[in-house]
Amino acid sequence: HYARTMKIPYFGICLGMQIAIIEFARNVCGLEDADSTEFNKETAHPVICLQEEQKGIED
């Protein structure tokens, strides 16, 4: 939010990019419940999710 509103360049990779997308979806697109299915499987607006071929993989 801070980087976007203050027009500061933000290099989001991995989780940082996911959080930036969620923040944008919530605050710019108006999707209050936007989230990653990795954090909230029941989200009304899934903006980040695992690829089908990765769903069965465990650490």
N, C-alpha and C. Protein backbone atom coordinates (compact mmCIF):
# COMPACT_ATOMS: atom_id res chain seq x y z
N HIS A 1 0.83 -1.19 0.00
CA HIS A 1 0.00 0.00 0.00
C HIS A 1 0.88 1.25 0.00
N TYR A 2 1.85 1.27 0.88
CA TYR A 2 2.71 2.45 1.00
C TYR A 2 3.45 2.73 -0.30
N ALA A 3 4.07 1.72 -0.87
CA ALA A 3 4.83 1.91 -2.11
C ALA A 3 3.92 2.40 -3.23
N ARG A 4 2.74 1.84 -3.34
CA ARG A 4 1.81 2.24 -4.40
C ARG A 4 1.33 3.66 -4.21
N THR A 5 0.90 4.01 -3.02
CA THR A 5 0.33 5.34 -2.80
C THR A 5 1.38 6.44 -2.79
N MET A 6 2.62 6.10 -2.43
CA MET A 6 3.70 7.09 -2.42
C MET A 6 4.50 7.08 -3.72
N LYS A 7 4.06 6.23 -4.67
CA LYS A 7 4.72 6.10 -5.98
C LYS A 7 6.20 5.75 -5.86
N ILE A 8 6.48 4.81 -4.96
CA ILE A 8 7.84 4.32 -4.75
C ILE A 8 7.98 3.00 -5.50
N PRO A 9 9.02 2.85 -6.32
CA PRO A 9 9.21 1.57 -7.02
C PRO A 9 9.28 0.41 -6.02
N TYR A 10 8.65 -0.68 -6.39
CA TYR A 10 8.58 -1.84 -5.50
C TYR A 10 8.96 -3.07 -6.30
N PHE A 11 9.98 -3.76 -5.87
CA PHE A 11 10.42 -4.98 -6.53
C PHE A 11 9.89 -6.17 -5.75
N GLY A 12 8.70 -6.60 -6.08
CA GLY A 12 8.09 -7.71 -5.37
C GLY A 12 8.34 -9.01 -6.09
N ILE A 13 9.04 -9.91 -5.44
CA ILE A 13 9.24 -11.25 -6.00
C ILE A 13 8.69 -12.25 -4.99
N CYS A 14 8.23 -13.35 -5.50
CA CYS A 14 7.70 -14.43 -4.67
C CYS A 14 6.56 -13.92 -3.79
N LEU A 15 6.65 -14.05 -2.48
CA LEU A 15 5.56 -13.63 -1.60
C LEU A 15 5.30 -12.13 -1.69
N GLY A 16 6.35 -11.33 -1.90
CA GLY A 16 6.17 -9.88 -2.02
C GLY A 16 5.26 -9.51 -3.18
N MET A 17 5.39 -10.20 -4.31
CA MET A 17 4.53 -9.96 -5.46
C MET A 17 3.10 -10.39 -5.17
N GLN A 18 2.95 -11.51 -4.48
CA GLN A 18 1.61 -11.98 -4.13
C GLN A 18 0.90 -10.97 -3.23
N ILE A 19 1.62 -10.46 -2.24
CA ILE A 19 1.03 -9.48 -1.32
C ILE A 19 0.68 -8.20 -2.06
N ALA A 20 1.53 -7.77 -3.00
CA ALA A 20 1.24 -6.57 -3.80
C ALA A 20 -0.03 -6.76 -4.63
N ILE A 21 -0.21 -7.94 -5.20
CA ILE A 21 -1.41 -8.22 -6.00
C ILE A 21 -2.65 -8.21 -5.12
N ILE A 22 -2.56 -8.81 -3.95
CA ILE A 22 -3.70 -8.82 -3.02
C ILE A 22 -4.04 -7.40 -2.59
N GLU A 23 -3.03 -6.61 -2.25
CA GLU A 23 -3.26 -5.22 -1.84
C GLU A 23 -3.93 -4.43 -2.96
N PHE A 24 -3.47 -4.59 -4.19
CA PHE A 24 -4.03 -3.88 -5.34
C PHE A 24 -5.49 -4.30 -5.56
N ALA A 25 -5.74 -5.59 -5.51
CA ALA A 25 -7.11 -6.10 -5.71
C ALA A 25 -8.06 -5.54 -4.66
N ARG A 26 -7.62 -5.48 -3.43
CA ARG A 26 -8.47 -4.98 -2.35
C ARG A 26 -8.69 -3.47 -2.42
N ASN A 27 -7.60 -2.72 -2.62
CA ASN A 27 -7.68 -1.26 -2.49
C ASN A 27 -7.89 -0.49 -3.77
N VAL A 28 -7.60 -1.08 -4.91
CA VAL A 28 -7.81 -0.40 -6.19
C VAL A 28 -9.02 -0.98 -6.91
N CYS A 29 -9.12 -2.30 -6.91
CA CYS A 29 -10.22 -2.97 -7.61
C CYS A 29 -11.48 -3.09 -6.76
N GLY A 30 -11.37 -2.83 -5.47
CA GLY A 30 -12.53 -2.88 -4.59
C GLY A 30 -12.96 -4.28 -4.19
N LEU A 31 -12.09 -5.25 -4.33
CA LEU A 31 -12.42 -6.63 -3.94
C LEU A 31 -11.98 -6.84 -2.49
N GLU A 32 -12.83 -6.45 -1.56
CA GLU A 32 -12.48 -6.45 -0.14
C GLU A 32 -11.96 -7.78 0.37
N ASP A 33 -12.51 -8.87 -0.15
CA ASP A 33 -12.13 -10.21 0.32
C ASP A 33 -11.05 -10.86 -0.54
N ALA A 34 -10.42 -10.11 -1.43
CA ALA A 34 -9.38 -10.69 -2.29
C ALA A 34 -8.28 -11.28 -1.43
N ASP A 35 -7.83 -12.46 -1.83
CA ASP A 35 -6.80 -13.15 -1.05
C ASP A 35 -6.18 -14.25 -1.89
N SER A 36 -5.19 -14.89 -1.35
CA SER A 36 -4.59 -16.07 -1.96
C SER A 36 -5.28 -17.30 -1.41
N THR A 37 -5.49 -18.27 -2.26
CA THR A 37 -6.09 -19.52 -1.76
C THR A 37 -5.11 -20.26 -0.85
N GLU A 38 -3.84 -19.88 -0.88
CA GLU A 38 -2.87 -20.47 0.04
C GLU A 38 -3.10 -19.97 1.46
N PHE A 39 -3.66 -18.77 1.60
CA PHE A 39 -3.94 -18.19 2.92
C PHE A 39 -5.37 -18.45 3.35
N ASN A 40 -6.30 -18.39 2.39
CA ASN A 40 -7.73 -18.52 2.69
C ASN A 40 -8.39 -19.28 1.55
N LYS A 41 -8.62 -20.55 1.75
CA LYS A 41 -9.21 -21.39 0.70
C LYS A 41 -10.64 -20.99 0.36
N GLU A 42 -11.31 -20.29 1.26
CA GLU A 42 -12.71 -19.91 1.07
C GLU A 42 -12.90 -18.48 0.58
N THR A 43 -11.82 -17.81 0.16
CA THR A 43 -11.94 -16.43 -0.26
C THR A 43 -12.93 -16.27 -1.42
N ALA A 44 -13.70 -15.20 -1.38
CA ALA A 44 -14.66 -14.92 -2.44
C ALA A 44 -13.96 -14.46 -3.72
N HIS A 45 -12.77 -13.89 -3.57
CA HIS A 45 -12.03 -13.36 -4.72
C HIS A 45 -10.60 -13.89 -4.71
N PRO A 46 -10.39 -15.10 -5.22
CA PRO A 46 -9.03 -15.65 -5.24
C PRO A 46 -8.20 -15.00 -6.35
N VAL A 47 -7.22 -14.20 -5.97
CA VAL A 47 -6.37 -13.54 -6.97
C VAL A 47 -5.02 -14.24 -7.10
N ILE A 48 -4.70 -15.14 -6.19
CA ILE A 48 -3.49 -15.96 -6.25
C ILE A 48 -3.90 -17.40 -5.91
N CYS A 49 -3.45 -18.34 -6.72
CA CYS A 49 -3.73 -19.75 -6.41
C CYS A 49 -2.61 -20.61 -6.99
N LEU A 50 -2.53 -21.82 -6.49
CA LEU A 50 -1.53 -22.76 -6.99
C LEU A 50 -1.93 -23.26 -8.38
N GLN A 51 -0.93 -23.56 -9.20
CA GLN A 51 -1.20 -24.19 -10.48
C GLN A 51 -1.67 -25.61 -10.21
N GLU A 52 -2.53 -26.12 -11.08
CA GLU A 52 -3.08 -27.46 -10.89
C GLU A 52 -2.00 -28.51 -10.66
N GLU A 53 -0.92 -28.46 -11.42
CA GLU A 53 0.12 -29.49 -11.29
C GLU A 53 0.92 -29.36 -9.99
N GLN A 54 0.76 -28.27 -9.26
CA GLN A 54 1.47 -28.09 -7.99
C GLN A 54 0.62 -28.43 -6.77
N LYS A 55 -0.65 -28.66 -6.96
CA LYS A 55 -1.55 -28.86 -5.82
C LYS A 55 -1.25 -30.10 -4.99
N GLY A 56 -0.69 -31.14 -5.57
CA GLY A 56 -0.39 -32.35 -4.80
C GLY A 56 1.01 -32.38 -4.22
N ILE A 57 1.80 -31.37 -4.49
CA ILE A 57 3.19 -31.35 -4.03
C ILE A 57 3.27 -30.89 -2.58
N GLU A 58 4.04 -31.61 -1.78
CA GLU A 58 4.25 -31.22 -0.40
C GLU A 58 5.73 -30.92 -0.20
N ASP A 59 6.03 -30.07 0.78
CA ASP A 59 7.42 -29.71 1.06
C ASP A 59 8.21 -30.89 1.55
